[in-house]
Protein backbone atom coordinates (compact mmCIF):
# COMPACT_ATOMS: atom_id res chain seq x y z
CA MET A 1 5.26 49.72 -5.72
CA ARG A 2 2.68 48.35 -3.41
CA LYS A 3 0.44 46.47 -5.26
CA LEU A 4 2.80 44.50 -6.67
CA LEU A 5 4.84 43.91 -2.80
CA ILE A 6 1.19 42.88 -1.12
CA ILE A 7 0.73 40.55 -5.30
CA THR A 8 4.48 39.20 -4.03
CA ALA A 9 3.64 38.62 -0.71
CA ALA A 10 0.24 36.20 -1.56
CA ALA A 11 2.45 34.22 -4.25
CA ILE A 12 5.31 33.68 -1.63
CA THR A 13 2.41 32.51 0.94
CA LEU A 14 -0.21 30.32 -1.47
CA THR A 15 3.65 28.48 -2.29
CA GLY A 16 4.21 27.60 1.85
CA CYS A 17 1.04 26.74 2.01
CA SER A 18 1.33 24.29 -0.87
CA THR A 19 4.88 23.24 0.84
CA ILE A 20 3.51 22.35 3.93
CA THR A 21 -0.01 20.98 2.38
CA GLU A 22 2.44 18.24 0.84
CA THR A 23 4.09 17.42 3.28
CA VAL A 24 1.66 16.60 5.23
CA ARG A 25 -0.63 15.15 3.05
CA GLY A 26 2.14 13.71 0.62
CA PRO A 27 2.47 15.19 -3.15
CA GLU A 28 -1.32 15.56 -5.15
CA LEU A 29 -1.63 13.92 -8.69
CA ALA A 30 -1.72 17.27 -11.60
CA PRO A 31 -5.77 17.82 -12.50
CA VAL A 32 -5.86 16.01 -16.43
CA ALA A 33 -5.84 18.41 -19.08
CA TYR A 34 -4.81 18.99 -22.59
CA PRO A 35 -0.73 19.11 -22.44
CA ALA A 36 0.16 22.25 -23.88
CA THR A 37 2.42 23.81 -21.14
CA LEU A 38 5.21 21.30 -21.43
CA VAL A 39 6.18 23.27 -24.90
CA PRO A 40 4.10 26.27 -25.94
CA VAL A 41 2.86 26.87 -29.12
CA SER A 42 0.74 27.90 -30.44
CA GLN A 43 -2.40 26.24 -31.79
CA VAL A 44 -5.73 26.29 -33.38
CA TYR A 45 -8.86 24.48 -32.09
CA GLY A 46 -10.89 23.74 -34.97
CA ARG A 47 -15.04 22.70 -34.36
CA GLU A 48 -16.07 19.44 -34.79
CA GLU A 49 -18.17 18.99 -37.57
CA ALA A 50 -22.20 17.73 -37.52
CA ALA A 51 -22.85 14.17 -37.75
CA ARG A 52 -23.52 14.17 -41.12
CA PRO A 53 -26.28 10.94 -42.04
CA ALA A 54 -25.60 8.19 -43.76
CA SER A 55 -25.76 8.25 -47.95
CA ALA A 56 -28.77 5.71 -48.70
CA ASN A 57 -28.08 2.87 -49.32
CA SER A 58 -24.23 2.75 -47.36
CA LEU A 59 -23.56 0.90 -44.42
CA TRP A 60 -20.95 3.86 -43.51
CA ARG A 61 -20.83 7.55 -42.81
CA THR A 62 -19.94 9.91 -45.02
CA GLY A 63 -16.74 10.89 -42.43
CA ALA A 64 -15.73 8.11 -41.01
CA ARG A 65 -12.88 6.32 -40.72
CA THR A 66 -12.88 3.38 -42.65
CA PHE A 67 -11.95 -0.34 -40.97
CA PHE A 68 -8.64 -0.66 -43.35
CA GLY A 69 -7.71 3.27 -43.29
CA ASP A 70 -3.95 4.87 -41.60
CA GLN A 71 -5.01 4.69 -37.88
CA ARG A 72 -1.92 6.63 -37.33
CA ALA A 73 -1.99 10.06 -35.30
CA ARG A 74 -1.79 13.03 -38.47
CA ARG A 75 -4.25 15.34 -36.51
CA ILE A 76 -3.55 17.90 -33.09
CA GLY A 77 -5.58 15.92 -30.89
CA ASP A 78 -4.31 12.25 -31.89
CA ILE A 79 -2.84 10.47 -29.45
CA LEU A 80 0.51 8.29 -30.00
CA THR A 81 2.70 5.89 -28.28
CA VAL A 82 6.28 7.12 -27.14
CA ASN A 83 8.51 3.73 -26.64
CA ILE A 84 10.96 5.17 -24.39
CA ASN A 85 14.39 2.76 -23.63
CA ILE A 86 17.61 4.49 -23.42
CA ASP A 87 20.35 2.92 -22.34
CA ASP A 88 23.26 4.99 -22.05
CA ARG A 89 27.33 4.57 -20.98
CA ALA A 90 29.88 7.33 -20.33
CA GLN A 91 33.89 6.83 -19.36
CA THR A 92 36.14 9.32 -19.38
CA GLN A 93 39.16 10.40 -17.43
CA ASN A 94 41.04 13.24 -17.44
CA SER A 95 44.70 14.11 -16.09
CA THR A 96 46.97 17.21 -16.09
CA ASN A 97 50.16 18.00 -14.47
CA ARG A 98 51.50 22.10 -15.03
CA THR A 99 54.73 23.79 -13.51
CA ARG A 100 55.79 27.04 -14.40
CA SER A 101 58.46 28.81 -13.08
CA ASN A 102 60.18 32.39 -14.20
CA GLU A 103 63.10 35.13 -13.19
CA THR A 104 63.12 38.66 -13.79
CA SER A 105 66.07 40.87 -12.95
CA GLY A 106 66.24 44.28 -13.96
CA GLY A 107 68.72 46.99 -12.73
CA ILE A 108 69.56 51.23 -13.76
CA SER A 109 73.26 52.92 -13.86
CA ASN A 110 72.44 55.93 -14.10
CA PHE A 111 68.96 58.26 -13.17
CA PHE A 112 69.51 62.34 -13.20
CA GLY A 113 72.08 61.03 -10.49
CA LEU A 114 69.74 60.61 -7.84
CA GLU A 115 71.56 56.73 -7.64
CA ASN A 116 73.70 57.77 -4.95
CA SER A 117 71.19 59.41 -2.98
CA LEU A 118 69.36 56.56 -3.18
CA GLY A 119 72.20 54.13 -1.40
CA ARG A 120 72.11 56.70 1.44
CA ALA A 121 68.33 56.11 2.19
CA PHE A 122 68.76 52.19 2.55
CA PRO A 123 71.77 52.14 4.95
CA GLY A 124 71.74 48.53 4.73
CA GLY A 125 73.13 48.69 1.78
CA PHE A 126 71.33 49.16 -2.06
CA ASP A 127 72.67 48.12 -5.38
CA PRO A 128 71.69 49.91 -8.57
CA GLN A 129 72.54 47.05 -10.91
CA ASN A 130 69.61 44.86 -9.20
CA LEU A 131 67.48 47.57 -8.49
CA VAL A 132 64.26 45.03 -9.17
CA GLY A 133 64.09 40.88 -8.84
CA VAL A 134 60.86 39.48 -9.67
CA GLN A 135 60.86 35.34 -8.87
CA GLY A 136 57.96 33.30 -9.87
CA GLU A 137 56.52 29.26 -9.68
CA SER A 138 53.29 27.99 -10.16
CA THR A 139 51.92 24.28 -10.16
CA ALA A 140 49.00 22.73 -10.79
CA ASN A 141 47.99 19.22 -11.05
CA GLY A 142 44.57 18.04 -11.36
CA SER A 143 42.69 14.64 -11.88
CA GLY A 144 39.38 13.85 -13.11
CA ALA A 145 37.13 10.94 -13.79
CA ILE A 146 33.64 10.05 -14.80
CA ASN A 147 31.57 6.98 -14.76
CA ARG A 148 27.74 7.30 -15.69
CA SER A 149 24.90 4.53 -16.78
CA GLU A 150 21.38 4.87 -17.91
CA ARG A 151 18.61 2.86 -17.99
CA VAL A 152 14.97 4.23 -18.43
CA GLU A 153 12.31 1.65 -19.89
CA LEU A 154 9.14 3.43 -20.45
CA THR A 155 5.94 3.60 -22.93
CA ILE A 156 4.40 6.41 -22.91
CA ALA A 157 0.79 8.07 -25.16
CA ALA A 158 1.72 11.64 -26.23
CA VAL A 159 -0.80 13.78 -27.62
CA VAL A 160 -0.27 15.83 -31.25
CA THR A 161 -0.30 19.09 -30.02
CA ASP A 162 0.60 21.17 -33.24
CA VAL A 163 1.07 20.09 -37.29
CA LEU A 164 3.72 22.80 -38.34
CA SER A 165 3.64 23.92 -42.25
CA ASN A 166 6.50 20.58 -43.12
CA GLY A 167 3.78 18.24 -41.78
CA ASN A 168 6.00 17.27 -39.21
CA MET A 169 3.92 17.55 -35.37
CA VAL A 170 4.69 18.36 -32.24
CA ILE A 171 3.90 15.77 -29.59
CA GLN A 172 3.57 15.80 -26.11
CA GLY A 173 2.47 13.87 -23.01
CA ARG A 174 2.26 13.25 -19.16
CA GLN A 175 2.23 10.51 -16.97
CA GLU A 176 1.41 10.62 -13.04
CA VAL A 177 2.15 7.24 -10.76
CA ARG A 178 1.19 8.11 -6.99
CA THR A 179 2.08 5.45 -4.66
CA ASN A 180 1.70 5.60 -1.16
CA ARG A 181 3.45 9.62 -0.61
CA GLU A 182 5.60 8.91 -4.31
CA LEU A 183 4.99 10.54 -6.68
CA ARG A 184 5.99 9.96 -10.05
CA GLU A 185 6.33 11.33 -13.76
CA LEU A 186 7.05 11.07 -16.67
CA THR A 187 7.31 13.96 -19.49
CA VAL A 188 7.78 13.80 -23.10
CA ALA A 189 8.10 15.98 -25.94
CA GLY A 190 9.75 17.14 -29.26
CA ILE A 191 8.68 16.95 -33.39
CA VAL A 192 7.70 14.19 -34.84
CA ARG A 193 8.06 13.06 -38.84
CA PRO A 194 4.78 11.08 -39.76
CA GLU A 195 6.85 8.96 -42.20
CA ASP A 196 8.29 7.43 -38.71
CA ILE A 197 5.31 5.96 -36.92
CA THR A 198 5.21 2.53 -36.84
CA ALA A 199 1.68 1.15 -38.59
CA ALA A 200 1.12 0.44 -35.02
CA ASN A 201 1.15 4.22 -34.22
CA THR A 202 3.78 4.11 -32.59
CA ILE A 203 7.33 6.10 -32.45
CA ASN A 204 10.95 5.51 -30.90
CA HIS A 205 12.57 8.01 -28.74
CA THR A 206 15.40 8.10 -30.71
CA GLN A 207 13.40 9.52 -33.44
CA ILE A 208 11.80 12.79 -31.65
CA ALA A 209 13.59 15.82 -32.96
CA GLU A 210 14.29 18.54 -29.82
CA ALA A 211 13.44 15.70 -27.86
CA ARG A 212 12.44 16.88 -24.04
CA ILE A 213 12.03 13.83 -21.34
CA SER A 214 11.83 13.81 -18.29
CA TYR A 215 11.66 11.26 -15.63
CA GLY A 216 11.13 12.23 -12.23
CA GLY A 217 9.64 12.60 -8.39
CA ARG A 218 8.22 14.34 -5.58
CA GLY A 219 7.80 13.34 -2.57
CA ASP A 220 8.98 11.74 1.09
CA VAL A 221 11.64 9.64 -0.24
CA SER A 222 12.87 12.24 -2.73
CA ARG A 223 12.58 14.78 -0.30
CA MET A 224 15.11 13.31 1.97
CA GLN A 225 17.17 12.57 -0.26
CA ALA A 226 17.42 15.49 -2.06
CA THR A 227 20.10 17.90 0.01
CA PRO A 228 19.23 20.55 2.32
CA ALA A 229 19.31 25.04 0.31
CA ALA A 230 21.02 25.88 2.38
CA GLN A 231 23.73 23.51 1.99
CA SER A 232 23.22 23.36 -1.68
CA LEU A 233 23.13 27.43 -1.49
CA VAL A 234 26.82 27.36 0.55
CA GLU A 235 28.20 25.18 -2.13
CA ARG A 236 27.65 27.00 -5.18
CA PHE A 237 28.64 30.18 -4.07
CA SER A 238 31.63 28.84 -1.62
CA PRO A 239 35.00 30.40 -2.75
CA PHE A 240 37.18 27.46 -1.00
């Protein structure tokens, strides 16, 4: 238990240091690495074959890509271009008006002869025929409207990280751009079919299954636009 507390305290300290450093120096770019952390998959990396000597009286090396061959991505580690063109609009309007009222009454004529004794207990008057009376009324009015418009037009290069048994490929891509003290990050991941990849080795985002597209950023501007943490907690858990 003590060891766990020490590890937790160390993690909190490192996180705090990272936040302080980012506040002072601005966001740092992530190191360039194989994008396997976007969508964890089981990957098998094969060893590269040694270069084979050219055959006698041949201008081409055995196993090299030919000029007229298919250059589309099809193996782990190949790169393809993803065209993201999102232009979505949604408009919804709902209105609810509900009213309900009810009334219930009940009495008792005989109850082991105790109905007369109850009359003495209530000097102000007691009527056994109107022993119980319940009335209720509820009214609810509600209205809501959604008017959303989104437009994102970007291009990103993705890497094939896995090839499924049916030939479909898992792709992942990440792009970071830093301008002054603001960092913009674009990530894309999903599953594509080889036949959907064009001859120019590109694919549209609408042809990606299980697509995960994220476009955001962090830095001074994003931090000023974000709601303070304390206010977010109050708004989320407030019962009123």
